[in-house]
PDB file of N, CA and C in Angstrom:
ATOM      1  N   MET A   1       7.557  -5.373  -4.999  1.00  0.00           N
ATOM      2  CA  MET A   1       7.767  -4.549  -3.836  1.00  0.00           C
ATOM      3  C   MET A   1       7.208  -3.153  -4.102  1.00  0.00           C
ATOM      4  N   GLU A   2       6.385  -2.682  -3.243  1.00  0.00           N
ATOM      5  CA  GLU A   2       5.791  -1.363  -3.393  1.00  0.00           C
ATOM      6  C   GLU A   2       6.547  -0.367  -2.525  1.00  0.00           C
ATOM      7  N   VAL A   3       6.918   0.742  -3.128  1.00  0.00           N
ATOM      8  CA  VAL A   3       7.659   1.776  -2.417  1.00  0.00           C
ATOM      9  C   VAL A   3       6.734   2.957  -2.192  1.00  0.00           C
ATOM     10  N   ILE A   4       6.778   3.515  -0.996  1.00  0.00           N
ATOM     11  CA  ILE A   4       5.951   4.666  -0.652  1.00  0.00           C
ATOM     12  C   ILE A   4       6.788   5.933  -0.816  1.00  0.00           C
ATOM     13  N   ASP A   5       6.263   6.894  -1.582  1.00  0.00           N
ATOM     14  CA  ASP A   5       6.923   8.183  -1.751  1.00  0.00           C
ATOM     15  C   ASP A   5       6.878   8.942  -0.430  1.00  0.00           C
ATOM     16  N   GLU A   6       8.047   9.330   0.066  1.00  0.00           N
ATOM     17  CA  GLU A   6       8.126   9.999   1.364  1.00  0.00           C
ATOM     18  C   GLU A   6       7.475  11.380   1.354  1.00  0.00           C
ATOM     19  N   LYS A   7       7.498  12.059   0.213  1.00  0.00           N
ATOM     20  CA  LYS A   7       6.946  13.411   0.135  1.00  0.00           C
ATOM     21  C   LYS A   7       5.424  13.410   0.115  1.00  0.00           C
ATOM     22  N   THR A   8       4.836  12.525  -0.694  1.00  0.00           N
ATOM     23  CA  THR A   8       3.385  12.526  -0.850  1.00  0.00           C
ATOM     24  C   THR A   8       2.701  11.389  -0.102  1.00  0.00           C
ATOM     25  N   ASN A   9       3.478  10.456   0.432  1.00  0.00           N
ATOM     26  CA  ASN A   9       2.958   9.302   1.169  1.00  0.00           C
ATOM     27  C   ASN A   9       2.035   8.431   0.307  1.00  0.00           C
ATOM     28  N   THR A  10       2.357   8.350  -0.996  1.00  0.00           N
ATOM     29  CA  THR A  10       1.581   7.525  -1.918  1.00  0.00           C
ATOM     30  C   THR A  10       2.494   6.468  -2.539  1.00  0.00           C
ATOM     31  N   PRO A  11       1.913   5.358  -3.001  1.00  0.00           N
ATOM     32  CA  PRO A  11       2.739   4.334  -3.642  1.00  0.00           C
ATOM     33  C   PRO A  11       3.408   4.881  -4.904  1.00  0.00           C
ATOM     34  N   GLN A  12       4.634   4.435  -5.163  1.00  0.00           N
ATOM     35  CA  GLN A  12       5.382   4.904  -6.322  1.00  0.00           C
ATOM     36  C   GLN A  12       5.669   3.716  -7.223  1.00  0.00           C
ATOM     37  N   GLU A  13       5.388   3.849  -8.517  1.00  0.00           N
ATOM     38  CA  GLU A  13       5.638   2.762  -9.445  1.00  0.00           C
ATOM     39  C   GLU A  13       7.053   2.861 -10.003  1.00  0.00           C
ATOM     40  N   ASN A  14       7.600   1.723 -10.376  1.00  0.00           N
ATOM     41  CA  ASN A  14       8.935   1.684 -10.950  1.00  0.00           C
ATOM     42  C   ASN A  14       8.842   2.038 -12.425  1.00  0.00           C
ATOM     43  N   LYS A  15       9.566   3.045 -12.861  1.00  0.00           N
ATOM     44  CA  LYS A  15       9.508   3.538 -14.235  1.00  0.00           C
ATOM     45  C   LYS A  15      10.742   3.129 -15.031  1.00  0.00           C
ATOM     46  N   LYS A  16      11.408   2.090 -14.604  1.00  0.00           N
ATOM     47  CA  LYS A  16      12.682   1.670 -15.188  1.00  0.00           C
ATOM     48  C   LYS A  16      12.578   1.375 -16.679  1.00  0.00           C
ATOM     49  N   VAL A  17      11.674   0.518 -17.083  1.00  0.00           N
ATOM     50  CA  VAL A  17      11.580   0.098 -18.481  1.00  0.00           C
ATOM     51  C   VAL A  17      11.158   1.261 -19.370  1.00  0.00           C
ATOM     52  N   LEU A  18      10.149   2.003 -18.944  1.00  0.00           N
ATOM     53  CA  LEU A  18       9.683   3.143 -19.734  1.00  0.00           C
ATOM     54  C   LEU A  18      10.793   4.175 -19.906  1.00  0.00           C
ATOM     55  N   ALA A  19      11.458   4.543 -18.821  1.00  0.00           N
ATOM     56  CA  ALA A  19      12.535   5.535 -18.893  1.00  0.00           C
ATOM     57  C   ALA A  19      13.702   5.009 -19.731  1.00  0.00           C
ATOM     58  N   GLY A  20      14.032   3.743 -19.592  1.00  0.00           N
ATOM     59  CA  GLY A  20      15.133   3.165 -20.349  1.00  0.00           C
ATOM     60  C   GLY A  20      14.882   3.163 -21.845  1.00  0.00           C
ATOM     61  N   ILE A  21      13.695   2.743 -22.241  1.00  0.00           N
ATOM     62  CA  ILE A  21      13.363   2.703 -23.672  1.00  0.00           C
ATOM     63  C   ILE A  21      13.288   4.110 -24.250  1.00  0.00           C
ATOM     64  N   LEU A  22      12.649   5.032 -23.520  1.00  0.00           N
ATOM     65  CA  LEU A  22      12.576   6.417 -23.997  1.00  0.00           C
ATOM     66  C   LEU A  22      13.955   7.055 -24.087  1.00  0.00           C
ATOM     67  N   ALA A  23      14.842   6.730 -23.160  1.00  0.00           N
ATOM     68  CA  ALA A  23      16.196   7.273 -23.198  1.00  0.00           C
ATOM     69  C   ALA A  23      16.939   6.792 -24.441  1.00  0.00           C
ATOM     70  N   ILE A  24      16.753   5.533 -24.804  1.00  0.00           N
ATOM     71  CA  ILE A  24      17.435   4.986 -25.981  1.00  0.00           C
ATOM     72  C   ILE A  24      16.826   5.539 -27.269  1.00  0.00           C
ATOM     73  N   VAL A  25      15.501   5.601 -27.345  1.00  0.00           N
ATOM     74  CA  VAL A  25      14.826   6.006 -28.584  1.00  0.00           C
ATOM     75  C   VAL A  25      14.774   7.529 -28.746  1.00  0.00           C
ATOM     76  N   LEU A  26      14.413   8.251 -27.691  1.00  0.00           N
ATOM     77  CA  LEU A  26      14.241   9.705 -27.770  1.00  0.00           C
ATOM     78  C   LEU A  26      15.175  10.455 -26.817  1.00  0.00           C
ATOM     79  N   GLY A  27      16.349   9.880 -26.601  1.00  0.00           N
ATOM     80  CA  GLY A  27      17.288  10.443 -25.634  1.00  0.00           C
ATOM     81  C   GLY A  27      17.686  11.875 -25.926  1.00  0.00           C
ATOM     82  N   ALA A  28      17.807  12.235 -27.188  1.00  0.00           N
ATOM     83  CA  ALA A  28      18.226  13.586 -27.551  1.00  0.00           C
ATOM     84  C   ALA A  28      17.221  14.641 -27.095  1.00  0.00           C
ATOM     85  N   LEU A  29      15.969  14.250 -26.941  1.00  0.00           N
ATOM     86  CA  LEU A  29      14.930  15.199 -26.524  1.00  0.00           C
ATOM     87  C   LEU A  29      14.730  15.221 -25.014  1.00  0.00           C
ATOM     88  N   GLY A  30      15.354  14.303 -24.304  1.00  0.00           N
ATOM     89  CA  GLY A  30      15.268  14.290 -22.852  1.00  0.00           C
ATOM     90  C   GLY A  30      13.927  13.848 -22.292  1.00  0.00           C
ATOM     91  N   ILE A  31      13.132  13.151 -23.079  1.00  0.00           N
ATOM     92  CA  ILE A  31      11.803  12.718 -22.642  1.00  0.00           C
ATOM     93  C   ILE A  31      11.893  11.825 -21.409  1.00  0.00           C
ATOM     94  N   HIS A  32      12.923  10.990 -21.337  1.00  0.00           N
ATOM     95  CA  HIS A  32      13.094  10.098 -20.185  1.00  0.00           C
ATOM     96  C   HIS A  32      13.273  10.880 -18.889  1.00  0.00           C
ATOM     97  N   LYS A  33      13.863  12.045 -18.972  1.00  0.00           N
ATOM     98  CA  LYS A  33      14.047  12.882 -17.774  1.00  0.00           C
ATOM     99  C   LYS A  33      12.693  13.365 -17.249  1.00  0.00           C
ATOM    100  N   PHE A  34      11.801  13.750 -18.157  1.00  0.00           N
ATOM    101  CA  PHE A  34      10.467  14.193 -17.747  1.00  0.00           C
ATOM    102  C   PHE A  34       9.694  13.051 -17.092  1.00  0.00           C
ATOM    103  N   VAL A  35       9.833  11.835 -17.624  1.00  0.00           N
ATOM    104  CA  VAL A  35       9.137  10.668 -17.069  1.00  0.00           C
ATOM    105  C   VAL A  35       9.577  10.419 -15.630  1.00  0.00           C
ATOM    106  N   LEU A  36      10.861  10.633 -15.351  1.00  0.00           N
ATOM    107  CA  LEU A  36      11.384  10.405 -14.006  1.00  0.00           C
ATOM    108  C   LEU A  36      11.153  11.596 -13.077  1.00  0.00           C
ATOM    109  N   GLY A  37      10.608  12.690 -13.612  1.00  0.00           N
ATOM    110  CA  GLY A  37      10.315  13.856 -12.785  1.00  0.00           C
ATOM    111  C   GLY A  37      11.452  14.853 -12.706  1.00  0.00           C
ATOM    112  N   TYR A  38      12.441  14.721 -13.582  1.00  0.00           N
ATOM    113  CA  TYR A  38      13.570  15.650 -13.610  1.00  0.00           C
ATOM    114  C   TYR A  38      13.312  16.723 -14.667  1.00  0.00           C
ATOM    115  N   THR A  39      12.440  17.652 -14.352  1.00  0.00           N
ATOM    116  CA  THR A  39      12.005  18.653 -15.325  1.00  0.00           C
ATOM    117  C   THR A  39      13.153  19.537 -15.794  1.00  0.00           C
ATOM    118  N   LYS A  40      13.953  20.038 -14.874  1.00  0.00           N
ATOM    119  CA  LYS A  40      15.055  20.940 -15.243  1.00  0.00           C
ATOM    120  C   LYS A  40      16.029  20.250 -16.204  1.00  0.00           C
ATOM    121  N   GLU A  41      16.396  19.018 -15.914  1.00  0.00           N
ATOM    122  CA  GLU A  41      17.327  18.286 -16.757  1.00  0.00           C
ATOM    123  C   GLU A  41      16.712  17.960 -18.115  1.00  0.00           C
ATOM    124  N   GLY A  42      15.410  17.645 -18.131  1.00  0.00           N
ATOM    125  CA  GLY A  42      14.714  17.384 -19.387  1.00  0.00           C
ATOM    126  C   GLY A  42      14.681  18.612 -20.271  1.00  0.00           C
ATOM    127  N   ILE A  43      14.429  19.764 -19.669  1.00  0.00           N
ATOM    128  CA  ILE A  43      14.410  21.022 -20.435  1.00  0.00           C
ATOM    129  C   ILE A  43      15.798  21.327 -20.991  1.00  0.00           C
ATOM    130  N   ILE A  44      16.838  21.080 -20.197  1.00  0.00           N
ATOM    131  CA  ILE A  44      18.210  21.311 -20.669  1.00  0.00           C
ATOM    132  C   ILE A  44      18.491  20.468 -21.909  1.00  0.00           C
ATOM    133  N   MET A  45      18.174  19.175 -21.859  1.00  0.00           N
ATOM    134  CA  MET A  45      18.434  18.300 -23.003  1.00  0.00           C
ATOM    135  C   MET A  45      17.604  18.696 -24.215  1.00  0.00           C
ATOM    136  N   LEU A  46      16.352  19.045 -23.983  1.00  0.00           N
ATOM    137  CA  LEU A  46      15.475  19.454 -25.082  1.00  0.00           C
ATOM    138  C   LEU A  46      15.981  20.736 -25.737  1.00  0.00           C
ATOM    139  N   LEU A  47      16.340  21.720 -24.919  1.00  0.00           N
ATOM    140  CA  LEU A  47      16.813  22.997 -25.466  1.00  0.00           C
ATOM    141  C   LEU A  47      18.144  22.857 -26.196  1.00  0.00           C
ATOM    142  N   VAL A  48      19.045  22.014 -25.673  1.00  0.00           N
ATOM    143  CA  VAL A  48      20.325  21.793 -26.359  1.00  0.00           C
ATOM    144  C   VAL A  48      20.071  21.248 -27.761  1.00  0.00           C
ATOM    145  N   SER A  49      19.141  20.322 -27.882  1.00  0.00           N
ATOM    146  CA  SER A  49      18.852  19.728 -29.187  1.00  0.00           C
ATOM    147  C   SER A  49      18.128  20.693 -30.117  1.00  0.00           C
ATOM    148  N   VAL A  50      17.145  21.395 -29.592  1.00  0.00           N
ATOM    149  CA  VAL A  50      16.319  22.265 -30.436  1.00  0.00           C
ATOM    150  C   VAL A  50      17.041  23.563 -30.793  1.00  0.00           C
ATOM    151  N   LEU A  51      17.633  24.221 -29.817  1.00  0.00           N
ATOM    152  CA  LEU A  51      18.251  25.524 -30.075  1.00  0.00           C
ATOM    153  C   LEU A  51      19.530  25.437 -30.905  1.00  0.00           C
ATOM    154  N   SER A  52      20.138  24.258 -30.953  1.00  0.00           N
ATOM    155  CA  SER A  52      21.316  24.091 -31.806  1.00  0.00           C
ATOM    156  C   SER A  52      20.910  23.598 -33.198  1.00  0.00           C
ATOM    157  N   PHE A  53      19.608  23.581 -33.469  1.00  0.00           N
ATOM    158  CA  PHE A  53      19.060  23.117 -34.744  1.00  0.00           C
ATOM    159  C   PHE A  53      19.533  21.699 -35.074  1.00  0.00           C
ATOM    160  N   GLY A  54      19.666  20.891 -34.039  1.00  0.00           N
ATOM    161  CA  GLY A  54      20.026  19.499 -34.213  1.00  0.00           C
ATOM    162  C   GLY A  54      21.512  19.224 -34.262  1.00  0.00           C
ATOM    163  N   ILE A  55      22.329  20.278 -34.288  1.00  0.00           N
ATOM    164  CA  ILE A  55      23.780  20.082 -34.371  1.00  0.00           C
ATOM    165  C   ILE A  55      24.304  19.353 -33.134  1.00  0.00           C
ATOM    166  N   LEU A  56      23.828  19.733 -31.954  1.00  0.00           N
ATOM    167  CA  LEU A  56      24.266  19.106 -30.707  1.00  0.00           C
ATOM    168  C   LEU A  56      23.341  17.968 -30.253  1.00  0.00           C
ATOM    169  N   ALA A  57      22.355  17.643 -31.082  1.00  0.00           N
ATOM    170  CA  ALA A  57      21.431  16.566 -30.725  1.00  0.00           C
ATOM    171  C   ALA A  57      22.155  15.227 -30.622  1.00  0.00           C
ATOM    172  N   GLY A  58      23.218  15.064 -31.382  1.00  0.00           N
ATOM    173  CA  GLY A  58      23.991  13.826 -31.316  1.00  0.00           C
ATOM    174  C   GLY A  58      24.601  13.608 -29.944  1.00  0.00           C
ATOM    175  N   ILE A  59      25.070  14.694 -29.339  1.00  0.00           N
ATOM    176  CA  ILE A  59      25.642  14.593 -27.998  1.00  0.00           C
ATOM    177  C   ILE A  59      24.555  14.212 -26.993  1.00  0.00           C
ATOM    178  N   SER A  60      23.413  14.892 -27.084  1.00  0.00           N
ATOM    179  CA  SER A  60      22.292  14.554 -26.195  1.00  0.00           C
ATOM    180  C   SER A  60      21.820  13.131 -26.443  1.00  0.00           C
ATOM    181  N   GLY A  61      21.831  12.707 -27.699  1.00  0.00           N
ATOM    182  CA  GLY A  61      21.426  11.345 -28.041  1.00  0.00           C
ATOM    183  C   GLY A  61      22.351  10.304 -27.443  1.00  0.00           C
ATOM    184  N   ILE A  62      23.651  10.585 -27.461  1.00  0.00           N
ATOM    185  CA  ILE A  62      24.625   9.662 -26.865  1.00  0.00           C
ATOM    186  C   ILE A  62      24.415   9.590 -25.355  1.00  0.00           C
ATOM    187  N   ILE A  63      24.185  10.746 -24.729  1.00  0.00           N
ATOM    188  CA  ILE A  63      23.901  10.763 -23.290  1.00  0.00           C
ATOM    189  C   ILE A  63      22.652   9.932 -22.997  1.00  0.00           C
ATOM    190  N   GLY A  64      21.607  10.122 -23.805  1.00  0.00           N
ATOM    191  CA  GLY A  64      20.378   9.351 -23.629  1.00  0.00           C
ATOM    192  C   GLY A  64      20.597   7.862 -23.807  1.00  0.00           C
ATOM    193  N   LEU A  65      21.390   7.488 -24.799  1.00  0.00           N
ATOM    194  CA  LEU A  65      21.683   6.074 -25.042  1.00  0.00           C
ATOM    195  C   LEU A  65      22.414   5.467 -23.844  1.00  0.00           C
ATOM    196  N   ILE A  66      23.413   6.169 -23.344  1.00  0.00           N
ATOM    197  CA  ILE A  66      24.160   5.678 -22.186  1.00  0.00           C
ATOM    198  C   ILE A  66      23.243   5.551 -20.970  1.00  0.00           C
ATOM    199  N   GLU A  67      22.425   6.584 -20.726  1.00  0.00           N
ATOM    200  CA  GLU A  67      21.511   6.524 -19.586  1.00  0.00           C
ATOM    201  C   GLU A  67      20.495   5.403 -19.739  1.00  0.00           C
ATOM    202  N   GLY A  68      19.988   5.197 -20.949  1.00  0.00           N
ATOM    203  CA  GLY A  68      19.036   4.116 -21.181  1.00  0.00           C
ATOM    204  C   GLY A  68      19.623   2.758 -20.876  1.00  0.00           C
ATOM    205  N   ILE A  69      20.849   2.539 -21.309  1.00  0.00           N
ATOM    206  CA  ILE A  69      21.517   1.270 -21.033  1.00  0.00           C
ATOM    207  C   ILE A  69      21.741   1.105 -19.533  1.00  0.00           C
ATOM    208  N   ILE A  70      22.165   2.177 -18.873  1.00  0.00           N
ATOM    209  CA  ILE A  70      22.371   2.115 -17.422  1.00  0.00           C
ATOM    210  C   ILE A  70      21.059   1.793 -16.717  1.00  0.00           C
ATOM    211  N   TYR A  71      19.979   2.480 -17.108  1.00  0.00           N
ATOM    212  CA  TYR A  71      18.676   2.240 -16.479  1.00  0.00           C
ATOM    213  C   TYR A  71      18.260   0.775 -16.615  1.00  0.00           C
ATOM    214  N   LEU A  72      18.384   0.242 -17.819  1.00  0.00           N
ATOM    215  CA  LEU A  72      17.891  -1.111 -18.087  1.00  0.00           C
ATOM    216  C   LEU A  72      18.774  -2.207 -17.500  1.00  0.00           C
ATOM    217  N   THR A  73      20.036  -1.908 -17.196  1.00  0.00           N
ATOM    218  CA  THR A  73      20.907  -2.923 -16.625  1.00  0.00           C
ATOM    219  C   THR A  73      20.873  -2.949 -15.098  1.00  0.00           C
ATOM    220  N   LYS A  74      20.279  -1.959 -14.479  1.00  0.00           N
ATOM    221  CA  LYS A  74      20.147  -1.938 -13.018  1.00  0.00           C
ATOM    222  C   LYS A  74      19.005  -2.859 -12.600  1.00  0.00           C
ATOM    223  N   SER A  75      19.096  -3.406 -11.404  1.00  0.00           N
ATOM    224  CA  SER A  75      17.975  -4.191 -10.881  1.00  0.00           C
ATOM    225  C   SER A  75      16.833  -3.228 -10.554  1.00  0.00           C
ATOM    226  N   ASP A  76      15.622  -3.761 -10.439  1.00  0.00           N
ATOM    227  CA  ASP A  76      14.466  -2.913 -10.141  1.00  0.00           C
ATOM    228  C   ASP A  76      14.656  -2.134  -8.845  1.00  0.00           C
ATOM    229  N   ASP A  77      15.113  -2.816  -7.814  1.00  0.00           N
ATOM    230  CA  ASP A  77      15.306  -2.158  -6.518  1.00  0.00           C
ATOM    231  C   ASP A  77      16.393  -1.091  -6.585  1.00  0.00           C
ATOM    232  N   GLU A  78      17.473  -1.418  -7.270  1.00  0.00           N
ATOM    233  CA  GLU A  78      18.581  -0.473  -7.398  1.00  0.00           C
ATOM    234  C   GLU A  78      18.148   0.774  -8.179  1.00  0.00           C
ATOM    235  N   PHE A  79      17.396   0.570  -9.265  1.00  0.00           N
ATOM    236  CA  PHE A  79      16.904   1.691 -10.059  1.00  0.00           C
ATOM    237  C   PHE A  79      15.959   2.558  -9.237  1.00  0.00           C
ATOM    238  N   MET A  80      15.034   1.922  -8.546  1.00  0.00           N
ATOM    239  CA  MET A  80      14.061   2.648  -7.736  1.00  0.00           C
ATOM    240  C   MET A  80      14.764   3.496  -6.681  1.00  0.00           C
ATOM    241  N   GLN A  81      15.727   2.889  -6.006  1.00  0.00           N
ATOM    242  CA  GLN A  81      16.443   3.597  -4.941  1.00  0.00           C
ATOM    243  C   GLN A  81      17.265   4.763  -5.498  1.00  0.00           C
ATOM    244  N   MET A  82      17.980   4.516  -6.582  1.00  0.00           N
ATOM    245  CA  MET A  82      18.908   5.515  -7.097  1.00  0.00           C
ATOM    246  C   MET A  82      18.220   6.657  -7.842  1.00  0.00           C
ATOM    247  N   TYR A  83      17.283   6.347  -8.732  1.00  0.00           N
ATOM    248  CA  TYR A  83      16.739   7.355  -9.624  1.00  0.00           C
ATOM    249  C   TYR A  83      15.368   7.894  -9.217  1.00  0.00           C
ATOM    250  N   GLN A  84      14.606   7.150  -8.455  1.00  0.00           N
ATOM    251  CA  GLN A  84      13.279   7.622  -8.086  1.00  0.00           C
ATOM    252  C   GLN A  84      13.210   8.095  -6.636  1.00  0.00           C
ATOM    253  N   ILE A  85      13.934   7.482  -5.757  1.00  0.00           N
ATOM    254  CA  ILE A  85      13.883   7.890  -4.344  1.00  0.00           C
ATOM    255  C   ILE A  85      14.969   8.924  -4.060  1.00  0.00           C
ATOM    256  N   ASN A  86      16.231   8.613  -4.425  1.00  0.00           N
ATOM    257  CA  ASN A  86      17.338   9.540  -4.159  1.00  0.00           C
ATOM    258  C   ASN A  86      17.486  10.626  -5.214  1.00  0.00           C
ATOM    259  N   GLN A  87      16.772  10.504  -6.332  1.00  0.00           N
ATOM    260  CA  GLN A  87      16.746  11.506  -7.391  1.00  0.00           C
ATOM    261  C   GLN A  87      18.145  11.817  -7.960  1.00  0.00           C
ATOM    262  N   LYS A  88      18.900  10.787  -8.335  1.00  0.00           N
ATOM    263  CA  LYS A  88      20.175  10.998  -9.024  1.00  0.00           C
ATOM    264  C   LYS A  88      19.845  11.385 -10.445  1.00  0.00           C
ATOM    265  N   THR A  89      20.199  12.608 -10.857  1.00  0.00           N
ATOM    266  CA  THR A  89      19.697  13.136 -12.113  1.00  0.00           C
ATOM    267  C   THR A  89      20.525  12.794 -13.349  1.00  0.00           C
ATOM    268  N   TRP A  90      21.823  12.691 -13.234  1.00  0.00           N
ATOM    269  CA  TRP A  90      22.658  12.406 -14.410  1.00  0.00           C
ATOM    270  C   TRP A  90      23.434  11.115 -14.176  1.00  0.00           C
ATOM    271  N   PHE A  91      23.426  10.252 -15.171  1.00  0.00           N
ATOM    272  CA  PHE A  91      24.128   8.970 -15.170  1.00  0.00           C
ATOM    273  C   PHE A  91      23.894   8.288 -13.870  1.00  0.00           C
TER     274      PHE A  91
END
């Protein structure tokens, strides 16, 4: 199923697997947030990990792990609707 982005009127690809794997592997750095287009949230996660010299990276990593599991357990349509069209940024 191809979804058309309402803002740009272009086809939008489902980034579920990429975002899910990046969230599990590099969740502490917030890379998955950048992939989904959530720049502000990605910067928050990155800065929390870097500016705390890794002390709070565990918390960001746990958040990333939880989000990755949530992303990968959603159906393609549900993920597309919730995270790419409606832009739900956290969990």
